[in-house]
Amino acid sequence: MTDAPFDAATAVRPHDDGRTFDVTIDPAWTIGPDKPNGGYLLALLGRAAVAAVRAAGGEQPFVVAANVQYVRSPSVGDAVIEVDVARIGRTASQATVQLRQDGAVCVQALCTLGRLEGGADPWWGSSAPPDVAPEDACARPFAMAPATVPTIRQRVSVLFDPSVGFTTGEPSGTGELKGWLRFADGRDPDPLSLLLFCDAFPPATFDVVRTGWVPTLNLTVYVRAVPAPGPLRMRFRAGIIAGGFADEVCEIWDSADRLVAQSTQLTALRIPPPS
């Protein structure tokens, strides 16, 4: 582990049983007052899952799939992660992970651990990255009052293609965000950080309608490969908005134009009344 802010913020401190971990939810990774980013919380759970599987004799170094339920938003500060290793296998191992705070379950996940290739093309199939303008021609998210700027913005650099309308405060109605992601401190991406990056863009629904907080209820992430060094290209699309819920699909490509992560999530949102 390095001294990069992401690594320090996702550090886990194991108990003697090898399945319980003390963690500190870092205030530098929030999306609102005292609300940690969901991808950051998943990365915390993922690091604990890898450590617990290793302690149980497993040899899989990466979370390759996770299904996460966000039961309630934990506060920044101390919390506990408990891991139940369901199976240690040769190809994959599985574990159930829960983050608790003050005795209450806040986040729970089913994680599959495995090995990943780096630099290899898929054996079959492909997914071409979207056309995105160079980073120096892209825009940052729309201006916000300093008191409301998410602290995670200081840790993750987000740049949007000029075609994304909501950066100017005027949603385009396409429901698609595309652009670039990277750690602000220059740290290169790795499989653990892809769990964070899958939830690092603003809600794709913002390019349809501006609402208040859009909490993620359920998130499924697939990590497909070890990413190459450099920035990540991302496309985030809203599907159907109905009944107070929306679905969103994320795809991430590395600097070598390989699809390295995918996710789908179900969010809650309230459509503002007509003005």
Protein backbone atom coordinates (compact mmCIF):
# COMPACT_ATOMS: atom_id res chain seq x y z
CA MET A 1 0.00 0.00 0.00
CA THR A 2 1.24 3.49 -0.87
CA ASP A 3 0.84 6.77 0.96
CA ALA A 4 -1.62 8.08 -1.66
CA PRO A 5 -4.80 9.55 -0.14
CA PHE A 6 -6.98 6.79 -1.65
CA ASP A 7 -4.88 4.05 -0.08
CA ALA A 8 -4.84 5.74 3.31
CA ALA A 9 -8.59 6.39 3.14
CA THR A 10 -9.36 2.73 2.37
CA ALA A 11 -6.99 1.23 4.94
CA VAL A 12 -8.47 -1.60 7.03
CA ARG A 13 -7.22 -2.66 10.46
CA PRO A 14 -7.81 -6.38 11.05
CA HIS A 15 -8.85 -7.99 14.33
CA ASP A 16 -7.27 -11.26 15.38
CA ASP A 17 -10.14 -13.25 13.84
CA GLY A 18 -9.12 -12.19 10.31
CA ARG A 19 -12.71 -11.32 9.36
CA THR A 20 -13.41 -8.15 11.35
CA PHE A 21 -11.82 -4.83 10.45
CA ASP A 22 -11.82 -1.38 11.99
CA VAL A 23 -12.01 1.41 9.42
CA THR A 24 -12.20 5.18 9.42
CA ILE A 25 -14.56 6.75 6.89
CA ASP A 26 -12.56 9.70 5.56
CA PRO A 27 -14.35 13.08 5.26
CA ALA A 28 -12.33 13.85 2.11
CA TRP A 29 -14.44 11.39 0.07
CA THR A 30 -17.95 12.73 0.62
CA ILE A 31 -20.61 13.88 -1.87
CA GLY A 32 -22.49 16.08 0.60
CA PRO A 33 -22.41 17.05 4.23
CA ASP A 34 -21.26 13.92 6.04
CA LYS A 35 -22.37 11.60 3.16
CA PRO A 36 -19.54 9.35 1.91
CA ASN A 37 -19.42 8.53 -1.78
CA GLY A 38 -20.89 5.07 -2.51
CA GLY A 39 -17.95 3.97 -4.65
CA TYR A 40 -15.54 4.94 -1.91
CA LEU A 41 -17.52 2.83 0.58
CA LEU A 42 -17.45 -0.11 -1.86
CA ALA A 43 -13.66 0.22 -2.16
CA LEU A 44 -13.44 0.01 1.64
CA LEU A 45 -15.53 -3.16 1.60
CA GLY A 46 -13.49 -4.54 -1.29
CA ARG A 47 -10.19 -4.09 0.53
CA ALA A 48 -11.59 -5.85 3.58
CA ALA A 49 -12.93 -8.72 1.43
CA VAL A 50 -9.51 -9.27 -0.17
CA ALA A 51 -7.81 -9.26 3.25
CA ALA A 52 -10.32 -11.71 4.74
CA VAL A 53 -10.10 -14.12 1.79
CA ARG A 54 -6.32 -14.01 2.00
CA ALA A 55 -6.48 -14.75 5.75
CA ALA A 56 -8.76 -17.73 4.99
CA GLY A 57 -6.24 -19.18 2.52
CA GLY A 58 -7.58 -17.75 -0.72
CA GLU A 59 -5.22 -16.51 -3.43
CA GLN A 60 -7.50 -14.25 -5.46
CA PRO A 61 -6.19 -10.66 -5.21
CA PHE A 62 -9.05 -8.65 -6.71
CA VAL A 63 -12.76 -8.08 -6.33
CA VAL A 64 -14.05 -8.88 -9.83
CA ALA A 65 -17.77 -8.55 -9.09
CA ALA A 66 -19.81 -6.95 -6.34
CA ASN A 67 -23.48 -6.39 -5.67
CA VAL A 68 -23.99 -3.67 -3.08
CA GLN A 69 -27.00 -2.48 -1.11
CA TYR A 70 -26.83 0.93 0.50
CA VAL A 71 -29.09 0.54 3.52
CA ARG A 72 -28.33 3.87 5.18
CA SER A 73 -25.60 6.44 4.76
CA PRO A 74 -22.88 6.10 7.40
CA SER A 75 -21.29 9.18 8.90
CA VAL A 76 -17.62 10.00 8.54
CA GLY A 77 -15.58 8.54 11.36
CA ASP A 78 -15.10 5.09 12.83
CA ALA A 79 -16.94 2.01 11.57
CA VAL A 80 -16.52 -1.77 11.52
CA ILE A 81 -16.49 -4.13 8.54
CA GLU A 82 -17.35 -7.82 8.98
CA VAL A 83 -16.59 -10.39 6.28
CA ASP A 84 -18.07 -13.88 6.02
CA VAL A 85 -16.05 -15.93 3.55
CA ALA A 86 -18.56 -18.26 1.90
CA ARG A 87 -16.14 -20.21 -0.31
CA ILE A 88 -12.47 -20.44 -1.17
CA GLY A 89 -12.04 -21.75 -4.69
CA ARG A 90 -9.27 -22.17 -7.22
CA THR A 91 -10.76 -19.79 -9.79
CA ALA A 92 -12.93 -17.60 -7.58
CA SER A 93 -13.81 -17.05 -3.94
CA GLN A 94 -16.98 -15.47 -2.54
CA ALA A 95 -17.64 -13.39 0.55
CA THR A 96 -20.43 -11.40 2.18
CA VAL A 97 -19.32 -8.04 3.56
CA GLN A 98 -21.12 -5.62 5.89
CA LEU A 99 -20.16 -2.16 7.07
CA ARG A 100 -21.66 -1.35 10.46
CA GLN A 101 -21.70 1.85 12.44
CA ASP A 102 -23.10 2.14 15.96
CA GLY A 103 -24.28 -1.47 15.60
CA ALA A 104 -26.44 -0.79 12.52
CA VAL A 105 -25.80 -2.18 9.02
CA CYS A 106 -25.11 0.70 6.62
CA VAL A 107 -23.73 -1.06 3.52
CA GLN A 108 -23.70 -4.73 2.59
CA ALA A 109 -22.20 -6.48 -0.42
CA LEU A 110 -21.76 -9.86 -2.06
CA CYS A 111 -18.24 -9.98 -3.49
CA THR A 112 -16.60 -12.39 -5.92
CA LEU A 113 -12.81 -12.40 -5.93
CA GLY A 114 -10.60 -13.58 -8.75
CA ARG A 115 -7.54 -12.84 -10.87
CA LEU A 116 -7.33 -10.31 -13.68
CA GLU A 117 -5.20 -9.87 -16.75
CA GLY A 118 -3.40 -6.67 -17.62
CA GLY A 119 -2.69 -5.60 -21.18
CA ALA A 120 -4.37 -8.59 -22.83
CA ASP A 121 -7.12 -8.18 -25.43
CA PRO A 122 -10.42 -10.01 -24.81
CA TRP A 123 -10.56 -13.60 -26.06
CA TRP A 124 -13.90 -12.73 -27.70
CA GLY A 125 -15.97 -9.60 -28.05
CA SER A 126 -15.16 -5.93 -27.78
CA SER A 127 -16.64 -2.64 -26.65
CA ALA A 128 -15.32 0.50 -28.31
CA PRO A 129 -14.88 3.57 -26.10
CA PRO A 130 -16.96 6.66 -26.90
CA ASP A 131 -15.48 9.64 -28.70
CA VAL A 132 -14.44 12.12 -26.01
CA ALA A 133 -12.63 15.40 -26.59
CA PRO A 134 -9.06 15.67 -25.23
CA GLU A 135 -8.84 16.50 -21.54
CA ASP A 136 -7.71 20.07 -22.21
CA ALA A 137 -10.87 20.65 -24.28
CA CYS A 138 -13.26 19.21 -21.70
CA ALA A 139 -15.22 21.01 -19.00
CA ARG A 140 -15.42 20.62 -15.26
CA PRO A 141 -18.83 20.18 -13.61
CA PHE A 142 -20.95 23.30 -13.37
CA ALA A 143 -19.99 25.87 -10.78
CA MET A 144 -21.33 25.34 -7.28
CA ALA A 145 -21.27 27.40 -4.13
CA PRO A 146 -18.06 26.54 -2.20
CA ALA A 147 -20.08 25.20 0.75
CA THR A 148 -21.80 22.63 -1.49
CA VAL A 149 -18.83 21.38 -3.52
CA PRO A 150 -18.36 17.65 -2.73
CA THR A 151 -15.02 17.00 -1.05
CA ILE A 152 -14.43 14.05 -3.37
CA ARG A 153 -13.88 16.63 -6.13
CA GLN A 154 -10.53 17.39 -4.50
CA ARG A 155 -9.53 13.71 -4.80
CA VAL A 156 -10.99 12.68 -8.17
CA SER A 157 -10.60 14.85 -11.24
CA VAL A 158 -13.73 14.77 -13.43
CA LEU A 159 -13.86 16.35 -16.89
CA PHE A 160 -16.84 16.24 -19.25
CA ASP A 161 -16.98 16.21 -23.03
CA PRO A 162 -18.30 19.55 -24.40
CA SER A 163 -21.43 17.72 -25.63
CA VAL A 164 -22.59 17.18 -22.04
CA GLY A 165 -25.16 19.90 -21.49
CA PHE A 166 -25.59 19.88 -17.74
CA THR A 167 -22.10 21.35 -17.17
CA THR A 168 -23.57 24.71 -18.17
CA GLY A 169 -26.64 24.22 -16.00
CA GLU A 170 -28.82 23.27 -18.99
CA PRO A 171 -29.48 19.50 -19.24
CA SER A 172 -29.35 18.27 -22.83
CA GLY A 173 -32.04 15.64 -22.27
CA THR A 174 -29.88 12.78 -23.59
CA GLY A 175 -29.23 11.29 -20.16
CA GLU A 176 -25.63 10.52 -21.11
CA LEU A 177 -22.46 11.81 -19.48
CA LYS A 178 -19.04 11.07 -20.96
CA GLY A 179 -15.62 12.29 -20.07
CA TRP A 180 -12.38 11.59 -18.22
CA LEU A 181 -11.55 10.44 -14.69
CA ARG A 182 -8.28 10.29 -12.80
CA PHE A 183 -6.96 10.69 -9.27
CA ALA A 184 -6.14 14.34 -8.63
CA ASP A 185 -2.81 13.38 -7.02
CA GLY A 186 -1.62 11.46 -10.10
CA ARG A 187 -2.04 7.97 -8.61
CA ASP A 188 -2.61 5.45 -11.41
CA PRO A 189 -5.82 3.42 -11.40
CA ASP A 190 -5.87 -0.18 -10.21
CA PRO A 191 -8.64 -2.80 -9.83
CA LEU A 192 -9.61 -1.61 -6.33
CA SER A 193 -9.96 1.99 -7.45
CA LEU A 194 -12.29 0.92 -10.27
CA LEU A 195 -14.84 0.14 -7.55
CA LEU A 196 -14.65 3.83 -6.64
CA PHE A 197 -14.59 5.17 -10.19
CA CYS A 198 -17.77 3.31 -11.17
CA ASP A 199 -19.62 5.70 -8.86
CA ALA A 200 -17.50 8.84 -9.28
CA PHE A 201 -19.52 10.72 -11.91
CA PRO A 202 -22.52 12.85 -10.92
CA PRO A 203 -25.87 11.12 -11.57
CA ALA A 204 -26.56 10.63 -15.28
CA THR A 205 -30.10 11.80 -14.56
CA PHE A 206 -28.66 15.32 -14.09
CA ASP A 207 -28.50 15.57 -17.89
CA VAL A 208 -32.28 14.95 -17.95
CA VAL A 209 -33.53 16.90 -14.95
CA ARG A 210 -31.80 18.68 -12.10
CA THR A 211 -32.93 17.26 -8.79
CA GLY A 212 -31.62 17.12 -5.27
CA TRP A 213 -29.70 14.20 -3.84
CA VAL A 214 -29.96 11.02 -5.98
CA PRO A 215 -29.07 8.20 -3.56
CA THR A 216 -27.87 4.86 -4.90
CA LEU A 217 -29.95 1.99 -3.53
CA ASN A 218 -28.29 -0.93 -5.31
CA LEU A 219 -25.03 -1.08 -7.30
CA THR A 220 -23.55 -3.95 -9.30
CA VAL A 221 -19.94 -3.65 -10.49
CA TYR A 222 -17.83 -5.88 -12.75
CA VAL A 223 -14.06 -5.32 -12.88
CA ARG A 224 -12.82 -6.77 -16.15
CA ALA A 225 -9.05 -6.10 -16.32
CA VAL A 226 -6.09 -4.43 -14.64
CA PRO A 227 -6.17 -0.88 -16.05
CA ALA A 228 -3.20 0.64 -17.84
CA PRO A 229 -1.64 3.75 -16.30
CA GLY A 230 -3.23 7.05 -17.25
CA PRO A 231 -6.68 8.61 -17.35
CA LEU A 232 -9.89 6.63 -17.58
CA ARG A 233 -12.58 7.31 -20.17
CA MET A 234 -16.13 6.90 -18.90
CA ARG A 235 -19.67 6.80 -20.26
CA PHE A 236 -22.58 7.00 -17.82
CA ARG A 237 -26.13 6.63 -19.14
CA ALA A 238 -29.56 6.94 -17.57
CA GLY A 239 -32.13 4.35 -18.60
CA ILE A 240 -35.73 4.66 -17.44
CA ILE A 241 -36.95 7.23 -14.90
CA ALA A 242 -40.27 6.12 -13.45
CA GLY A 243 -42.03 5.77 -10.12
CA GLY A 244 -39.35 7.63 -8.19
CA PHE A 245 -36.52 5.38 -9.41
CA ALA A 246 -33.95 5.46 -12.22
CA ASP A 247 -31.44 2.97 -13.59
CA GLU A 248 -27.97 4.01 -14.74
CA VAL A 249 -25.24 2.14 -16.64
CA CYS A 250 -21.53 2.93 -16.41
CA GLU A 251 -18.68 1.77 -18.66
CA ILE A 252 -15.00 2.60 -18.11
CA TRP A 253 -12.09 2.25 -20.56
CA ASP A 254 -8.41 2.63 -19.70
CA SER A 255 -5.75 4.58 -21.59
CA ALA A 256 -5.22 1.54 -23.85
CA ASP A 257 -8.92 1.67 -24.89
CA ARG A 258 -9.76 -1.56 -23.08
CA LEU A 259 -13.06 -1.92 -21.22
CA VAL A 260 -11.91 -2.37 -17.62
CA ALA A 261 -15.10 -1.93 -15.57
CA GLN A 262 -18.89 -1.87 -15.90
CA SER A 263 -21.69 -1.14 -13.49
CA THR A 264 -25.44 -0.79 -13.21
CA GLN A 265 -27.25 0.94 -10.40
CA LEU A 266 -30.72 1.72 -9.16
CA THR A 267 -31.20 5.17 -7.72
CA ALA A 268 -34.04 7.06 -6.07
CA LEU A 269 -34.97 10.55 -7.16
CA ARG A 270 -37.81 13.00 -6.85
CA ILE A 271 -38.88 14.91 -9.94
CA PRO A 272 -39.29 18.56 -9.00
CA PRO A 273 -42.79 20.00 -9.53
CA PRO A 274 -43.32 22.29 -12.54
CA SER A 275 -42.31 25.85 -11.80
